[in-house]
Amino acid sequence: MKNVYPVILTPADVGYIVSIPDLNINTEGTDIANAIEMARDAIGLWGICEEDVGRAIPSPATFNPTCEDNEIVTLVDIDFLAYRRANENKTVRKNLTIPSWLNDLAEKAGVNFSQILQEGLKEHLGVEKH
């Protein structure tokens, strides 16, 4: 599910305080770009937590919330399904086949097969996250 929420950026001593009025949550960012990134992350996390406990994610009430003169109102989009896939660390079991001699050497060396496979896959795919 994709949605767009208005956020209010309030200047702070360092960076911005970010309010997401429709969800009654706040976060902060070091600059405008970081504040928007943190807002997207806060919205995504809040949304998947709501789904996990069986509650519906509300649509925005308005795209033009009330704000003070020094505040910035902007919109932040979020794809909750993509956010969940990118941030979920659920493990899955995989069976694999390797030569017996290689298995013997690895076991004698105390190799953690899961860790080695994960590291190899990340390197092969050029993935650093998780």
N, C-alpha and C. Protein backbone atom coordinates (compact mmCIF):
# COMPACT_ATOMS: atom_id res chain seq x y z
N MET A 1 0.84 -1.18 0.00
CA MET A 1 0.00 0.00 0.00
C MET A 1 0.89 1.24 0.00
N LYS A 2 0.63 2.14 -0.93
CA LYS A 2 1.36 3.40 -0.99
C LYS A 2 0.46 4.51 -0.46
N ASN A 3 1.09 5.49 0.18
CA ASN A 3 0.35 6.64 0.66
C ASN A 3 1.27 7.84 0.74
N VAL A 4 0.68 9.00 0.95
CA VAL A 4 1.43 10.25 1.10
C VAL A 4 0.89 10.96 2.33
N TYR A 5 1.81 11.41 3.19
CA TYR A 5 1.42 12.11 4.42
C TYR A 5 2.07 13.48 4.46
N PRO A 6 1.32 14.48 4.94
CA PRO A 6 1.94 15.78 5.17
C PRO A 6 2.78 15.72 6.44
N VAL A 7 3.92 16.39 6.40
CA VAL A 7 4.77 16.50 7.58
C VAL A 7 5.10 17.97 7.80
N ILE A 8 5.34 18.32 9.05
CA ILE A 8 5.70 19.69 9.42
C ILE A 8 7.12 19.67 9.95
N LEU A 9 7.99 20.47 9.33
CA LEU A 9 9.38 20.60 9.75
C LEU A 9 9.52 21.89 10.54
N THR A 10 9.90 21.76 11.80
CA THR A 10 10.08 22.92 12.67
C THR A 10 11.57 23.10 12.94
N PRO A 11 12.12 24.27 12.59
CA PRO A 11 13.55 24.49 12.85
C PRO A 11 13.88 24.32 14.34
N ALA A 12 15.01 23.67 14.62
CA ALA A 12 15.48 23.46 15.98
C ALA A 12 16.89 24.02 16.09
N ASP A 13 17.48 23.95 17.27
CA ASP A 13 18.85 24.42 17.44
C ASP A 13 19.78 23.74 16.43
N VAL A 14 19.58 22.45 16.24
CA VAL A 14 20.33 21.70 15.24
C VAL A 14 19.31 20.94 14.41
N GLY A 15 19.15 21.28 13.15
CA GLY A 15 18.25 20.56 12.26
C GLY A 15 16.79 20.92 12.43
N TYR A 16 15.94 19.89 12.32
CA TYR A 16 14.50 20.09 12.33
C TYR A 16 13.80 19.02 13.17
N ILE A 17 12.74 19.46 13.85
CA ILE A 17 11.81 18.53 14.49
C ILE A 17 10.76 18.24 13.43
N VAL A 18 10.42 16.97 13.27
CA VAL A 18 9.46 16.56 12.25
C VAL A 18 8.20 16.03 12.93
N SER A 19 7.05 16.60 12.59
CA SER A 19 5.76 16.14 13.11
C SER A 19 4.95 15.54 11.97
N ILE A 20 4.35 14.41 12.24
CA ILE A 20 3.44 13.78 11.28
C ILE A 20 2.07 13.80 11.95
N PRO A 21 1.30 14.87 11.73
CA PRO A 21 0.05 15.07 12.48
C PRO A 21 -0.97 13.96 12.34
N ASP A 22 -1.12 13.39 11.15
CA ASP A 22 -2.14 12.35 10.94
C ASP A 22 -1.87 11.09 11.75
N LEU A 23 -0.60 10.87 12.11
CA LEU A 23 -0.24 9.66 12.83
C LEU A 23 0.15 9.95 14.28
N ASN A 24 0.19 11.23 14.62
CA ASN A 24 0.55 11.67 15.97
C ASN A 24 1.92 11.14 16.39
N ILE A 25 2.90 11.24 15.46
CA ILE A 25 4.26 10.82 15.76
C ILE A 25 5.24 11.93 15.37
N ASN A 26 6.42 11.88 15.96
CA ASN A 26 7.46 12.88 15.70
C ASN A 26 8.80 12.18 15.51
N THR A 27 9.70 12.87 14.83
CA THR A 27 11.07 12.44 14.69
C THR A 27 11.90 13.70 14.50
N GLU A 28 13.15 13.56 14.11
CA GLU A 28 13.97 14.73 13.87
C GLU A 28 15.00 14.43 12.80
N GLY A 29 15.55 15.49 12.21
CA GLY A 29 16.57 15.34 11.18
C GLY A 29 17.59 16.44 11.27
N THR A 30 18.79 16.15 10.78
CA THR A 30 19.90 17.11 10.88
C THR A 30 19.78 18.25 9.88
N ASP A 31 19.11 18.00 8.76
CA ASP A 31 18.84 19.02 7.74
C ASP A 31 17.52 18.64 7.06
N ILE A 32 17.10 19.40 6.06
CA ILE A 32 15.79 19.14 5.45
C ILE A 32 15.75 17.75 4.81
N ALA A 33 16.79 17.40 4.05
CA ALA A 33 16.79 16.09 3.40
C ALA A 33 16.76 14.96 4.42
N ASN A 34 17.56 15.07 5.47
CA ASN A 34 17.58 14.05 6.51
C ASN A 34 16.25 14.01 7.26
N ALA A 35 15.64 15.16 7.47
CA ALA A 35 14.35 15.21 8.17
C ALA A 35 13.27 14.49 7.37
N ILE A 36 13.28 14.66 6.06
CA ILE A 36 12.30 13.97 5.21
C ILE A 36 12.57 12.47 5.20
N GLU A 37 13.84 12.09 5.14
CA GLU A 37 14.21 10.67 5.20
C GLU A 37 13.78 10.05 6.53
N MET A 38 14.01 10.77 7.63
CA MET A 38 13.61 10.27 8.95
C MET A 38 12.09 10.20 9.06
N ALA A 39 11.38 11.14 8.45
CA ALA A 39 9.92 11.10 8.45
C ALA A 39 9.42 9.85 7.73
N ARG A 40 10.00 9.56 6.57
CA ARG A 40 9.60 8.37 5.81
C ARG A 40 9.86 7.10 6.64
N ASP A 41 10.99 7.06 7.31
CA ASP A 41 11.32 5.91 8.14
C ASP A 41 10.35 5.78 9.31
N ALA A 42 10.04 6.90 9.96
CA ALA A 42 9.11 6.87 11.10
C ALA A 42 7.71 6.43 10.66
N ILE A 43 7.27 6.95 9.52
CA ILE A 43 5.95 6.57 8.99
C ILE A 43 5.93 5.09 8.64
N GLY A 44 6.97 4.62 7.97
CA GLY A 44 7.04 3.22 7.58
C GLY A 44 7.03 2.29 8.77
N LEU A 45 7.86 2.59 9.76
CA LEU A 45 7.93 1.76 10.96
C LEU A 45 6.61 1.77 11.70
N TRP A 46 6.03 2.95 11.86
CA TRP A 46 4.75 3.07 12.55
C TRP A 46 3.69 2.25 11.82
N GLY A 47 3.67 2.36 10.49
CA GLY A 47 2.64 1.67 9.70
C GLY A 47 2.73 0.16 9.78
N ILE A 48 3.96 -0.38 9.65
CA ILE A 48 4.05 -1.84 9.69
C ILE A 48 3.79 -2.38 11.10
N CYS A 49 4.10 -1.59 12.11
CA CYS A 49 3.77 -1.99 13.49
C CYS A 49 2.25 -2.02 13.67
N GLU A 50 1.56 -1.05 13.12
CA GLU A 50 0.09 -1.04 13.20
C GLU A 50 -0.48 -2.27 12.49
N GLU A 51 0.03 -2.56 11.31
CA GLU A 51 -0.44 -3.75 10.58
C GLU A 51 -0.18 -5.03 11.37
N ASP A 52 0.98 -5.10 12.01
CA ASP A 52 1.35 -6.30 12.76
C ASP A 52 0.41 -6.59 13.92
N VAL A 53 -0.21 -5.56 14.48
CA VAL A 53 -1.16 -5.78 15.58
C VAL A 53 -2.61 -5.75 15.10
N GLY A 54 -2.80 -5.75 13.76
CA GLY A 54 -4.13 -5.87 13.20
C GLY A 54 -4.90 -4.58 13.02
N ARG A 55 -4.22 -3.45 13.14
CA ARG A 55 -4.92 -2.17 12.94
C ARG A 55 -4.67 -1.65 11.53
N ALA A 56 -5.63 -0.93 11.01
CA ALA A 56 -5.51 -0.34 9.67
C ALA A 56 -4.67 0.93 9.73
N ILE A 57 -3.94 1.18 8.66
CA ILE A 57 -3.15 2.41 8.55
C ILE A 57 -4.08 3.49 8.00
N PRO A 58 -4.24 4.59 8.73
CA PRO A 58 -5.17 5.63 8.28
C PRO A 58 -4.63 6.41 7.08
N SER A 59 -5.55 6.86 6.27
CA SER A 59 -5.19 7.78 5.19
C SER A 59 -5.03 9.17 5.79
N PRO A 60 -4.29 10.04 5.12
CA PRO A 60 -4.13 11.40 5.65
C PRO A 60 -5.46 12.14 5.71
N ALA A 61 -5.62 12.94 6.75
CA ALA A 61 -6.86 13.70 6.92
C ALA A 61 -6.85 14.95 6.04
N THR A 62 -5.68 15.53 5.87
CA THR A 62 -5.54 16.74 5.05
C THR A 62 -4.12 16.79 4.51
N PHE A 63 -3.95 17.47 3.39
CA PHE A 63 -2.60 17.66 2.85
C PHE A 63 -2.08 19.05 3.17
N ASN A 64 -2.85 19.79 3.96
CA ASN A 64 -2.48 21.17 4.26
C ASN A 64 -2.67 21.45 5.75
N PRO A 65 -1.86 20.84 6.62
CA PRO A 65 -2.04 21.05 8.06
C PRO A 65 -1.66 22.47 8.48
N THR A 66 -2.21 22.90 9.60
CA THR A 66 -1.91 24.21 10.15
C THR A 66 -0.49 24.23 10.69
N CYS A 67 0.23 25.31 10.39
CA CYS A 67 1.60 25.41 10.88
C CYS A 67 1.94 26.87 11.16
N GLU A 68 3.06 27.08 11.85
CA GLU A 68 3.55 28.41 12.18
C GLU A 68 4.33 28.99 10.99
N ASP A 69 4.59 30.30 11.02
CA ASP A 69 5.29 30.96 9.92
C ASP A 69 6.68 30.40 9.65
N ASN A 70 7.38 29.98 10.70
CA ASN A 70 8.76 29.48 10.52
C ASN A 70 8.82 28.00 10.17
N GLU A 71 7.68 27.33 10.06
CA GLU A 71 7.65 25.90 9.79
C GLU A 71 7.45 25.62 8.30
N ILE A 72 7.89 24.44 7.88
CA ILE A 72 7.75 24.01 6.49
C ILE A 72 6.80 22.82 6.46
N VAL A 73 5.82 22.88 5.58
CA VAL A 73 4.94 21.74 5.36
C VAL A 73 5.33 21.11 4.04
N THR A 74 5.54 19.82 4.05
CA THR A 74 5.86 19.09 2.83
C THR A 74 5.17 17.74 2.87
N LEU A 75 5.22 17.03 1.76
CA LEU A 75 4.59 15.71 1.69
C LEU A 75 5.68 14.64 1.62
N VAL A 76 5.40 13.52 2.27
CA VAL A 76 6.32 12.39 2.26
C VAL A 76 5.54 11.17 1.79
N ASP A 77 6.07 10.53 0.74
CA ASP A 77 5.43 9.32 0.24
C ASP A 77 6.06 8.10 0.91
N ILE A 78 5.26 7.04 1.00
CA ILE A 78 5.73 5.80 1.61
C ILE A 78 5.01 4.63 0.95
N ASP A 79 5.78 3.62 0.64
CA ASP A 79 5.24 2.35 0.14
C ASP A 79 5.44 1.36 1.29
N PHE A 80 4.37 1.08 2.02
CA PHE A 80 4.47 0.24 3.22
C PHE A 80 4.96 -1.18 2.90
N LEU A 81 4.54 -1.72 1.78
CA LEU A 81 4.97 -3.06 1.41
C LEU A 81 6.48 -3.07 1.12
N ALA A 82 6.96 -2.11 0.37
CA ALA A 82 8.39 -2.01 0.07
C ALA A 82 9.19 -1.75 1.35
N TYR A 83 8.65 -0.91 2.24
CA TYR A 83 9.33 -0.63 3.51
C TYR A 83 9.48 -1.90 4.33
N ARG A 84 8.40 -2.68 4.39
CA ARG A 84 8.44 -3.93 5.15
C ARG A 84 9.49 -4.88 4.57
N ARG A 85 9.48 -5.04 3.24
CA ARG A 85 10.45 -5.95 2.61
C ARG A 85 11.88 -5.49 2.88
N ALA A 86 12.13 -4.20 2.84
CA ALA A 86 13.48 -3.66 3.01
C ALA A 86 13.97 -3.75 4.45
N ASN A 87 13.06 -3.79 5.40
CA ASN A 87 13.46 -3.72 6.81
C ASN A 87 13.16 -4.98 7.62
N GLU A 88 12.57 -5.95 7.01
CA GLU A 88 12.25 -7.17 7.74
C GLU A 88 13.46 -8.09 7.75
N ASN A 89 13.83 -8.57 8.89
CA ASN A 89 14.98 -9.45 9.03
C ASN A 89 14.59 -10.89 9.37
N LYS A 90 13.41 -11.29 8.94
CA LYS A 90 12.96 -12.66 9.17
C LYS A 90 13.91 -13.60 8.43
N THR A 91 14.32 -14.66 9.07
CA THR A 91 15.22 -15.61 8.43
C THR A 91 14.43 -16.72 7.75
N VAL A 92 15.01 -17.28 6.71
CA VAL A 92 14.41 -18.41 6.01
C VAL A 92 15.46 -19.52 5.94
N ARG A 93 15.00 -20.73 5.96
CA ARG A 93 15.90 -21.88 5.93
C ARG A 93 16.16 -22.26 4.47
N LYS A 94 17.42 -22.50 4.14
CA LYS A 94 17.82 -22.92 2.80
C LYS A 94 18.65 -24.18 2.91
N ASN A 95 18.40 -25.14 2.05
CA ASN A 95 19.25 -26.32 1.96
C ASN A 95 20.22 -26.10 0.82
N LEU A 96 21.45 -26.55 0.99
CA LEU A 96 22.42 -26.42 -0.07
C LEU A 96 23.28 -27.67 -0.12
N THR A 97 23.95 -27.83 -1.23
CA THR A 97 24.80 -29.00 -1.42
C THR A 97 26.21 -28.54 -1.70
N ILE A 98 27.17 -29.13 -0.96
CA ILE A 98 28.59 -28.85 -1.18
C ILE A 98 29.34 -30.18 -1.16
N PRO A 99 30.53 -30.23 -1.74
CA PRO A 99 31.29 -31.48 -1.72
C PRO A 99 31.63 -31.89 -0.28
N SER A 100 31.65 -33.16 -0.05
CA SER A 100 31.93 -33.71 1.28
C SER A 100 33.27 -33.24 1.83
N TRP A 101 34.30 -33.23 1.00
CA TRP A 101 35.63 -32.82 1.46
C TRP A 101 35.62 -31.37 1.94
N LEU A 102 34.83 -30.51 1.23
CA LEU A 102 34.75 -29.10 1.62
C LEU A 102 33.99 -28.95 2.93
N ASN A 103 32.94 -29.74 3.11
CA ASN A 103 32.19 -29.74 4.36
C ASN A 103 33.09 -30.15 5.52
N ASP A 104 33.88 -31.20 5.33
CA ASP A 104 34.77 -31.67 6.39
C ASP A 104 35.77 -30.58 6.80
N LEU A 105 36.39 -29.94 5.81
CA LEU A 105 37.35 -28.87 6.11
C LEU A 105 36.68 -27.71 6.85
N ALA A 106 35.50 -27.34 6.38
CA ALA A 106 34.79 -26.21 7.00
C ALA A 106 34.39 -26.53 8.43
N GLU A 107 33.89 -27.73 8.68
CA GLU A 107 33.50 -28.11 10.04
C GLU A 107 34.71 -28.14 10.97
N LYS A 108 35.83 -28.67 10.49
CA LYS A 108 37.05 -28.71 11.31
C LYS A 108 37.54 -27.30 11.64
N ALA A 109 37.28 -26.36 10.73
CA ALA A 109 37.71 -24.97 10.94
C ALA A 109 36.68 -24.18 11.76
N GLY A 110 35.57 -24.81 12.10
CA GLY A 110 34.54 -24.13 12.89
C GLY A 110 33.79 -23.06 12.11
N VAL A 111 33.63 -23.27 10.83
CA VAL A 111 32.96 -22.29 9.96
C VAL A 111 31.47 -22.22 10.29
N ASN A 112 30.96 -20.99 10.37
CA ASN A 112 29.53 -20.75 10.51
C ASN A 112 28.97 -20.66 9.09
N PHE A 113 28.34 -21.74 8.62
CA PHE A 113 27.88 -21.81 7.25
C PHE A 113 26.89 -20.70 6.90
N SER A 114 25.95 -20.41 7.80
CA SER A 114 24.97 -19.36 7.54
C SER A 114 25.63 -18.00 7.37
N GLN A 115 26.57 -17.70 8.24
CA GLN A 115 27.25 -16.41 8.15
C GLN A 115 28.05 -16.29 6.86
N ILE A 116 28.78 -17.33 6.50
CA ILE A 116 29.58 -17.31 5.27
C ILE A 116 28.68 -17.15 4.05
N LEU A 117 27.57 -17.87 4.02
CA LEU A 117 26.64 -17.76 2.90
C LEU A 117 26.06 -16.36 2.81
N GLN A 118 25.65 -15.78 3.95
CA GLN A 118 25.12 -14.42 3.94
C GLN A 118 26.15 -13.43 3.44
N GLU A 119 27.38 -13.53 3.95
CA GLU A 119 28.44 -12.61 3.53
C GLU A 119 28.71 -12.76 2.03
N GLY A 120 28.76 -14.00 1.55
CA GLY A 120 29.01 -14.24 0.13
C GLY A 120 27.89 -13.70 -0.74
N LEU A 121 26.64 -13.90 -0.33
CA LEU A 121 25.51 -13.38 -1.09
C LEU A 121 25.51 -11.85 -1.13
N LYS A 122 25.79 -11.23 0.01
CA LYS A 122 25.84 -9.77 0.06
C LYS A 122 26.92 -9.24 -0.87
N GLU A 123 28.10 -9.87 -0.83
CA GLU A 123 29.19 -9.43 -1.70
C GLU A 123 28.82 -9.63 -3.16
N HIS A 124 28.27 -10.78 -3.48
CA HIS A 124 27.89 -11.10 -4.86
C HIS A 124 26.83 -10.14 -5.39
N LEU A 125 25.88 -9.77 -4.53
CA LEU A 125 24.78 -8.89 -4.92
C LEU A 125 25.07 -7.42 -4.72
N GLY A 126 26.21 -7.11 -4.11
CA GLY A 126 26.55 -5.71 -3.86
C GLY A 126 25.66 -5.06 -2.82
N VAL A 127 25.27 -5.84 -1.81
CA VAL A 127 24.35 -5.38 -0.77
C VAL A 127 25.14 -5.16 0.51
N GLU A 128 24.93 -4.00 1.15
CA GLU A 128 25.60 -3.72 2.42
C GLU A 128 24.65 -3.74 3.59
N LYS A 129 23.38 -3.44 3.33
CA LYS A 129 22.39 -3.30 4.41
C LYS A 129 22.00 -4.64 4.99
N HIS A 130 21.64 -4.62 6.26
CA HIS A 130 21.13 -5.77 7.03
C HIS A 130 22.30 -6.62 7.40
